[in-house]
Each structure stands twice: as structure tokens, then as C-alpha cells.
């Protein structure tokens, strides 16, 4: 259903500041905590003593303590101590490779021997002081590929987001899809159109007129296993659109990390990175609020779509030209799944 020999965004560090965080990733119940020397660790959310969730426990001296009978687990999944018991013969539980990078905690749910931190994508905006980022997290009851489809075809903005970023000109502009190795790019440009409400506010934030024609662009970039980043923006018409001088446009990168929870649910990490007024925290908060409302508009549609697909599993769906980005992304995912299926590397035993 989903690749496992890869890095997924699991959480943000603040989610387990006070206590361990239990979270299911790719059908694997995990618990995240800070172990020795403050390093992030993840192990099975299962105490080998009586099967209690370790996420209901606490951390003491870098060890995860079960909240039921006090068994202590080390970051490598080995039992380190238990009151009144000798633990040397206790079975270990699975530990998952983790990395804290770019403001996120990444986890590798597959074969731990294949977990190369260099495979975590570089995010140019994450550490550059000329950029600002704000985002959030939604839990969505839909299969992860449905969200990829949604983000790679922005035609739905005209209907789902009519009051914020949608406008008829989107569906009137034909998208173009290209594939470069494992990257799928779907782009759409619109010239000399009115700016929709969200982008009017962005133009005002830049100190630009919001009531003049603009050139608008959307460049959706999919990379495995399920990351979609979208270059979006508007510029005063006639100044080069995407290539317009910075002082004549408002542009950002929409950040989407889609992490499967189960076969029909996801953790959706969303945000926006902008390359203007990075010091303006009030603007960051305002954009986060507006973007959060926009993404919330997708949730009812996606969850209803998932329910329909489960109800009618044999119904064949149409593939139109606007679906090109999602179709190509699914082909790449299918190839990766086939490659994993040809080796034992995705199995539970190989992952230990």
C-alpha cells in the first residue's frame, strides 16, 4: 500500500516535549521520546511485559518507562531495568531509525539497515533567514494517494476553495505535466486575471496594489514517497509572472508532507514557506490561519471520497488530462512498491 524503505515526517519536536508521543505510521504503532543526550528515538508502542502502550508512560534519565509496571526501555528497544526483576532475558522490541531535521522528526519504518540520513530531502527554506515558515498538522481519514491526487490537480480550487484561492481561470488554463526521474511536475499559468481573496491579502502584505490584473502560477512537485511542494504566487501582470522582480510579486512554497497512518488515514503536515518579510511574525500567523482554513475545506471532500471508494470498491474512476500529475505520481509509487516486494527488505524480520 505504501513504501516503507523511506523517510516520512512523523511529528514535530514540540509534540513530545512533556510526555512520549504515540503515533501510528504505515500501520506501525510507534512511540517517540527523547533518549540519551536528548536524541530523538522511536520504538514499538508495546511493552514486552504485558503489552501496555509505552506511550502511556514517561521518560526518566533518557529511558522510556512503562506506565503500567515500570519496565524501562532503551532507545535501541532493549529492556534496561525493571523494579525487582532481572531483565537480561527480556525480549527486545523494535526500534525505528529517526532523524531530527528541518524542524521535523523523520522516521524510517522499513529495513533499518537501509536508513540513510542523506536521503532526507533538503529544504532550502528551512534554515535560510531570508525565508519564513508556518504550518500545522491535520489528521485525515483518507488514503494517502487521494491527498497526492488532490495536491497535484489544483482544478478543484475553483469549487472547493471558491471563497479563498479559487477562481474560474484555473480550470480554463490547461496544466502541463512532466516527469524527471522520480519527480513529477505539474504546472499551470494564468495571465492578466484578477487576484482571488487570499492573494489579494498577500499582495497587500507586500505593499502592492491588490486591485490590478495579475499573472498567477502553480507549479506542483511530487517526490517519493508522498511529498508535494507547490510553487505558487501572483505578480502584477506584464512583468514576467514567475520570473517577475521580487518587489512586484507575492510568492511562496506550499509545503505538504503526507504520512500514511493506516491504509485509509494520514497525518497531513502542511505549511507555507515565503521569501518575503521573513521577520514579520504577525504575517506568518495570518498566513498560517488563512492556509489552515483553506486546507480544512479539503478534509470533508477527501474523507467523503474515501467512504465512497470503500463502499464501491469495484467502480472504475476516470482519468482526465487534469489528472496527469496524480497518475504519474501513482506510477512512481507502484514501481517503488514492486521493487520493495521483490526483496525481503520491507518485511518485519528484515527491519529488526
Protein backbone atom coordinates (compact mmCIF):
# COMPACT_ATOMS: atom_id res chain seq x y z
CA UNK A 1 0.00 0.00 0.00
CA UNK A 2 2.82 2.42 0.82
CA UNK A 3 6.63 2.36 0.56
CA UNK A 4 8.41 1.62 3.83
CA UNK A 5 12.09 1.90 2.96
CA UNK A 6 11.96 5.67 3.02
CA UNK A 7 11.78 8.67 5.35
CA UNK A 8 8.44 10.09 6.46
CA UNK A 9 7.71 13.13 8.60
CA UNK A 10 6.44 11.61 11.84
CA UNK A 11 5.89 14.63 14.08
CA UNK A 12 7.33 17.93 15.21
CA UNK A 13 9.64 18.08 18.26
CA UNK A 14 7.18 20.06 20.36
CA UNK A 15 4.67 17.19 20.22
CA UNK A 16 6.65 15.19 22.79
CA UNK A 17 8.10 17.97 24.94
CA UNK A 18 6.17 16.89 28.03
CA UNK A 19 5.49 13.19 27.53
CA UNK A 20 6.07 10.39 24.99
CA UNK A 21 4.08 10.61 21.78
CA UNK A 22 2.23 7.59 20.46
CA UNK A 23 1.66 7.69 16.71
CA UNK A 24 0.91 5.06 14.09
CA UNK A 25 2.99 5.38 10.91
CA UNK A 26 2.43 2.98 7.98
CA UNK A 27 0.34 0.70 10.20
CA UNK A 28 3.20 0.55 12.76
CA UNK A 29 2.32 1.79 16.28
CA UNK A 30 5.33 3.81 17.44
CA UNK A 31 6.24 5.92 20.43
CA UNK A 32 8.56 8.93 20.14
CA UNK A 33 10.64 10.31 23.01
CA UNK A 34 13.97 11.95 23.81
CA UNK A 35 16.51 9.41 24.92
CA UNK A 36 20.14 9.69 25.97
CA UNK A 37 21.69 13.12 25.41
CA UNK A 38 18.35 14.42 24.15
CA UNK A 39 18.41 12.45 20.90
CA UNK A 40 15.03 11.58 19.40
CA UNK A 41 14.17 7.89 19.49
CA UNK A 42 11.23 5.76 18.33
CA UNK A 43 10.34 2.24 19.37
CA UNK A 44 7.29 -0.01 19.14
CA UNK A 45 4.44 1.28 21.27
CA UNK A 46 4.26 -2.08 23.03
CA UNK A 47 5.65 -3.10 26.40
CA UNK A 48 7.02 -6.67 26.19
CA UNK A 49 5.86 -7.37 29.76
CA UNK A 50 2.06 -7.13 29.45
CA UNK A 51 1.55 -5.36 26.13
CA UNK A 52 0.66 -1.95 27.52
CA UNK A 53 1.25 1.07 25.23
CA UNK A 54 4.59 2.60 26.19
CA UNK A 55 3.22 5.99 25.12
CA UNK A 56 1.22 5.97 28.37
CA UNK A 57 4.48 6.03 30.34
CA UNK A 58 7.15 8.68 30.88
CA UNK A 59 10.84 9.36 30.28
CA UNK A 60 13.41 9.14 33.06
CA UNK A 61 17.15 9.61 32.54
CA UNK A 62 16.84 9.01 28.81
CA UNK A 63 14.87 5.76 29.22
CA UNK A 64 11.23 5.14 28.35
CA UNK A 65 9.40 3.89 31.45
CA UNK A 66 6.22 1.85 31.06
CA UNK A 67 3.38 3.45 32.98
CA UNK A 68 1.96 0.06 33.99
CA UNK A 69 4.74 -1.74 35.93
CA UNK A 70 7.80 0.45 35.46
CA UNK A 71 9.79 -1.55 32.91
CA UNK A 72 12.44 0.70 31.33
CA UNK A 73 13.23 0.58 27.61
CA UNK A 74 16.37 1.97 26.00
CA UNK A 75 16.42 3.81 22.69
CA UNK A 76 17.51 0.62 20.89
CA UNK A 77 14.44 -1.29 22.08
CA UNK A 78 16.23 -3.30 24.75
CA UNK A 79 14.93 -3.61 28.31
CA UNK A 80 17.30 -1.80 30.63
CA UNK A 81 15.71 -2.36 34.06
CA UNK A 82 12.53 -3.13 36.00
CA UNK A 83 11.85 -2.85 39.71
CA UNK A 84 12.64 -6.16 41.45
CA UNK A 85 13.35 -8.01 38.19
CA UNK A 86 16.34 -9.20 36.18
CA UNK A 87 15.82 -8.03 32.62
CA UNK A 88 18.72 -9.57 30.72
CA UNK A 89 16.49 -12.24 29.16
CA UNK A 90 13.61 -9.91 28.35
CA UNK A 91 12.82 -9.71 24.62
CA UNK A 92 13.67 -6.52 22.76
CA UNK A 93 11.12 -4.52 20.85
CA UNK A 94 11.63 -2.90 17.51
CA UNK A 95 13.46 0.41 17.27
CA UNK A 96 12.98 2.71 14.28
CA UNK A 97 15.66 4.97 12.74
CA UNK A 98 14.84 8.61 13.42
CA UNK A 99 16.36 11.96 12.49
CA UNK A 100 15.52 15.45 13.69
CA UNK A 101 15.95 17.81 10.76
CA UNK A 102 14.33 20.90 9.19
CA UNK A 103 12.07 21.36 12.21
CA UNK A 104 10.55 17.88 11.84
CA UNK A 105 11.17 14.40 13.20
CA UNK A 106 11.65 11.87 10.40
CA UNK A 107 11.18 8.13 10.77
CA UNK A 108 12.15 5.15 8.59
CA UNK A 109 9.50 2.40 9.03
CA UNK A 110 11.22 -0.19 6.81
CA UNK A 111 14.52 -2.05 6.88
CA UNK A 112 16.67 -0.19 9.39
CA UNK A 113 19.91 -1.19 7.65
CA UNK A 114 18.86 0.83 4.60
CA UNK A 115 18.11 4.03 6.54
CA UNK A 116 20.49 6.65 5.12
CA UNK A 117 20.00 10.15 6.61
CA UNK A 118 21.37 11.61 3.37
CA UNK A 119 18.11 10.55 1.70
CA UNK A 120 16.13 13.07 3.74
CA UNK A 121 15.23 15.85 1.28
CA UNK A 122 16.95 19.20 1.51
CA UNK A 123 14.57 22.07 2.22
CA UNK A 124 16.11 25.33 1.05
CA UNK A 125 13.73 27.43 3.15
CA UNK A 126 14.19 25.59 6.44
CA UNK A 127 17.44 27.23 7.56
CA UNK A 128 17.71 30.37 5.43
CA UNK A 129 16.94 33.53 7.48
CA UNK A 130 15.53 35.15 4.34
CA UNK A 131 12.63 32.68 4.49
CA UNK A 132 9.79 32.30 6.99
CA UNK A 133 7.70 29.19 7.59
CA UNK A 134 4.43 28.50 9.36
CA UNK A 135 2.34 25.36 9.28
CA UNK A 136 0.25 22.79 11.10
CA UNK A 137 -0.99 19.20 11.21
CA UNK A 138 -4.28 17.58 10.24
CA UNK A 139 -5.40 14.00 10.74
CA UNK A 140 -7.42 12.97 7.70
CA UNK A 141 -9.42 9.78 7.19
CA UNK A 142 -8.38 9.14 3.61
CA UNK A 143 -5.79 7.07 1.81
CA UNK A 144 -2.54 8.95 1.24
CA UNK A 145 -2.69 8.77 -2.55
CA UNK A 146 -6.01 10.63 -2.55
CA UNK A 147 -4.26 13.59 -0.94
CA UNK A 148 -1.46 13.40 -3.53
CA UNK A 149 -4.11 13.43 -6.28
CA UNK A 150 -5.71 16.47 -4.64
CA UNK A 151 -2.47 18.43 -4.48
CA UNK A 152 -1.25 17.53 -7.97
CA UNK A 153 -4.52 18.70 -9.58
CA UNK A 154 -5.48 22.16 -8.36
CA UNK A 155 -8.50 22.43 -10.63
CA UNK A 156 -10.61 21.68 -7.57
CA UNK A 157 -9.71 25.10 -6.15
CA UNK A 158 -12.40 26.65 -8.35
CA UNK A 159 -15.04 24.70 -6.45
CA UNK A 160 -13.72 23.63 -3.04
CA UNK A 161 -11.89 26.90 -2.33
CA UNK A 162 -14.13 29.37 -4.13
CA UNK A 163 -14.01 31.91 -1.29
CA UNK A 164 -10.23 31.98 -0.87
CA UNK A 165 -7.91 30.87 -3.69
CA UNK A 166 -10.34 29.50 -6.26
CA UNK A 167 -11.32 31.23 -9.50
CA UNK A 168 -12.71 30.10 -12.87
CA UNK A 169 -9.48 30.95 -14.67
CA UNK A 170 -7.78 27.95 -13.04
CA UNK A 171 -9.82 25.36 -14.91
CA UNK A 172 -9.56 27.41 -18.09
CA UNK A 173 -5.75 27.09 -18.08
CA UNK A 174 -4.55 23.65 -19.20
CA UNK A 175 -1.95 22.04 -16.92
CA UNK A 176 1.32 20.62 -18.21
CA UNK A 177 2.86 17.53 -16.59
CA UNK A 178 6.45 16.31 -16.91
CA UNK A 179 8.39 13.51 -15.22
CA UNK A 180 12.07 13.80 -14.28
CA UNK A 181 13.25 10.50 -12.79
CA UNK A 182 11.25 10.25 -9.54
CA UNK A 183 9.90 13.81 -9.66
CA UNK A 184 6.56 14.72 -11.20
CA UNK A 185 5.92 18.37 -12.06
CA UNK A 186 2.51 19.73 -12.97
CA UNK A 187 2.43 23.43 -13.81
CA UNK A 188 -0.28 25.92 -14.69
CA UNK A 189 0.00 29.63 -15.52
CA UNK A 190 -2.72 32.25 -15.85
CA UNK A 191 -2.17 35.71 -17.29
CA UNK A 192 -3.87 39.05 -16.65
CA UNK A 193 -6.53 37.78 -14.26
CA UNK A 194 -7.95 39.21 -11.03
CA UNK A 195 -6.28 38.05 -7.83
CA UNK A 196 -8.51 35.88 -5.58
CA UNK A 197 -9.03 36.92 -1.93
CA UNK A 198 -6.07 35.03 -0.44
CA UNK A 199 -3.64 36.51 -2.95
CA UNK A 200 -5.16 39.97 -2.63
CA UNK A 201 -4.22 39.81 1.05
CA UNK A 202 -0.73 38.59 0.14
CA UNK A 203 -0.25 41.49 -2.26
CA UNK A 204 -1.33 43.93 0.45
CA UNK A 205 1.17 42.26 2.77
CA UNK A 206 3.85 43.12 0.22
CA UNK A 207 2.62 46.71 -0.01
CA UNK A 208 1.37 46.10 -3.56
CA UNK A 209 -1.92 47.04 -5.18
CA UNK A 210 -4.44 44.22 -4.97
CA UNK A 211 -6.99 45.51 -7.48
CA UNK A 212 -4.92 45.25 -10.67
CA UNK A 213 -4.61 42.29 -13.10
CA UNK A 214 -2.04 39.68 -12.10
CA UNK A 215 -0.19 36.78 -13.64
CA UNK A 216 -0.60 33.67 -11.47
CA UNK A 217 1.33 30.38 -11.34
CA UNK A 218 1.07 26.98 -9.70
CA UNK A 219 3.96 24.51 -10.01
CA UNK A 220 3.26 21.24 -8.16
CA UNK A 221 6.25 18.99 -7.46
CA UNK A 222 5.79 15.41 -6.24
CA UNK A 223 8.70 13.36 -4.88
CA UNK A 224 8.51 9.93 -3.24
CA UNK A 225 7.26 8.64 -1.02
CA UNK A 226 4.48 11.25 -0.67
CA UNK A 227 5.90 14.77 -0.56
CA UNK A 228 4.29 17.57 -2.58
CA UNK A 229 5.72 21.08 -2.68
CA UNK A 230 3.96 23.72 -4.73
CA UNK A 231 5.46 26.98 -6.01
CA UNK A 232 2.57 29.44 -6.01
CA UNK A 233 2.20 33.16 -6.44
CA UNK A 234 0.95 36.19 -8.29
CA UNK A 235 2.74 39.15 -9.88
CA UNK A 236 1.42 42.36 -11.34
CA UNK A 237 0.59 41.46 -14.93
CA UNK A 238 3.13 42.06 -17.66
CA UNK A 239 6.25 41.83 -15.51
CA UNK A 240 7.28 38.22 -16.14
CA UNK A 241 4.96 36.23 -13.91
CA UNK A 242 7.04 33.62 -12.05
CA UNK A 243 10.22 35.46 -13.13
CA UNK A 244 8.95 38.90 -12.08
CA UNK A 245 11.13 41.01 -9.77
CA UNK A 246 10.58 40.26 -6.09
CA UNK A 247 9.18 43.72 -5.43
CA UNK A 248 6.32 43.13 -7.90
CA UNK A 249 5.05 39.74 -6.73
CA UNK A 250 3.87 37.70 -3.78
CA UNK A 251 5.05 34.09 -3.91
CA UNK A 252 5.52 31.13 -1.61
CA UNK A 253 6.10 27.40 -1.43
CA UNK A 254 3.17 25.36 -0.19
CA UNK A 255 4.70 22.53 1.87
CA UNK A 256 2.87 19.19 2.06
CA UNK A 257 4.24 16.11 3.83
CA UNK A 258 1.71 13.28 3.64
CA UNK A 259 2.45 10.45 6.07
CA UNK A 260 0.31 7.29 5.95
CA UNK A 261 -1.16 6.28 9.29
CA UNK A 262 -3.19 3.29 8.10
CA UNK A 263 -4.48 2.11 4.73
CA UNK A 264 -7.24 4.74 4.93
CA UNK A 265 -5.87 7.55 7.12
CA UNK A 266 -2.98 10.01 7.08
CA UNK A 267 -1.06 12.56 9.07
CA UNK A 268 -1.01 15.67 6.92
CA UNK A 269 1.76 18.16 7.72
CA UNK A 270 1.01 21.37 5.86
CA UNK A 271 2.61 24.78 5.76
CA UNK A 272 3.81 27.69 3.70
CA UNK A 273 7.36 28.97 3.26
CA UNK A 274 7.64 32.52 1.97
CA UNK A 275 10.55 34.54 0.65
CA UNK A 276 9.34 37.96 1.72
CA UNK A 277 9.11 39.77 5.06
CA UNK A 278 10.53 36.81 7.00
CA UNK A 279 10.78 38.90 10.16
CA UNK A 280 7.05 39.67 10.23
CA UNK A 281 5.70 37.10 12.72
CA UNK A 282 2.21 38.60 12.60
CA UNK A 283 2.16 37.99 8.84
CA UNK A 284 3.32 34.40 9.39
CA UNK A 285 0.45 33.85 11.83
CA UNK A 286 -2.05 35.43 9.46
CA UNK A 287 -0.92 33.29 6.52
CA UNK A 288 -0.96 30.15 8.69
CA UNK A 289 -4.52 30.89 9.77
CA UNK A 290 -5.67 31.51 6.22
CA UNK A 291 -3.90 28.47 4.84
CA UNK A 292 -5.24 26.28 7.63
CA UNK A 293 -8.79 27.31 6.73
CA UNK A 294 -8.13 26.55 3.06
CA UNK A 295 -6.80 23.06 3.77
CA UNK A 296 -9.66 22.38 6.18
CA UNK A 297 -12.01 22.86 3.22
CA UNK A 298 -10.42 19.79 1.58
CA UNK A 299 -10.97 17.46 4.51
CA UNK A 300 -14.72 16.88 4.17
CA UNK A 301 -14.34 16.21 0.44
CA UNK A 302 -11.43 13.78 0.85
CA UNK A 303 -13.00 11.85 3.72
CA UNK A 304 -16.32 11.60 1.87
CA UNK A 305 -14.46 10.45 -1.24
CA UNK A 306 -12.72 7.73 0.80
CA UNK A 307 -16.02 6.49 2.20
CA UNK A 308 -17.46 6.27 -1.30
CA UNK A 309 -14.46 4.34 -2.61
CA UNK A 310 -14.74 1.85 0.26
CA UNK A 311 -18.45 1.45 -0.40
CA UNK A 312 -17.93 0.88 -4.13
CA UNK A 313 -14.51 -0.81 -4.42
CA UNK A 314 -15.12 -2.16 -7.94
CA UNK A 315 -16.09 1.13 -9.53
CA UNK A 316 -13.60 2.33 -12.14
CA UNK A 317 -12.61 6.01 -11.95
CA UNK A 318 -11.99 8.27 -14.93
CA UNK A 319 -8.56 9.64 -15.76
CA UNK A 320 -8.66 13.04 -17.46
CA UNK A 321 -5.90 15.34 -18.66
CA UNK A 322 -6.11 17.28 -15.38
CA UNK A 323 -5.23 14.06 -13.51
CA UNK A 324 -1.84 13.69 -15.19
CA UNK A 325 0.22 14.67 -12.14
CA UNK A 326 -1.55 12.27 -9.80
CA UNK A 327 -1.46 9.44 -12.34
CA UNK A 328 2.30 9.82 -12.86
CA UNK A 329 2.89 10.03 -9.10
CA UNK A 330 0.98 6.77 -8.62
CA UNK A 331 3.09 5.08 -11.30
CA UNK A 332 6.25 6.01 -9.43
CA UNK A 333 4.77 4.76 -6.15
CA UNK A 334 3.69 1.50 -7.82
CA UNK A 335 7.22 0.97 -9.14
CA UNK A 336 8.73 1.54 -5.70
CA UNK A 337 6.23 -0.86 -4.13
CA UNK A 338 7.06 -3.51 -6.72
CA UNK A 339 10.78 -3.08 -6.02
CA UNK A 340 10.21 -3.49 -2.28
CA UNK A 341 8.04 -6.56 -2.87
CA UNK A 342 10.88 -8.22 -4.80
CA UNK A 343 13.12 -8.17 -1.72
CA UNK A 344 12.63 -9.13 1.92
CA UNK A 345 13.75 -5.63 2.92
CA UNK A 346 10.25 -4.41 3.64
CA UNK A 347 9.44 -7.30 5.93
CA UNK A 348 9.19 -7.12 9.70
CA UNK A 349 12.05 -9.57 10.23
CA UNK A 350 14.44 -7.68 7.96
CA UNK A 351 13.58 -4.44 9.73
CA UNK A 352 14.73 -5.69 13.13
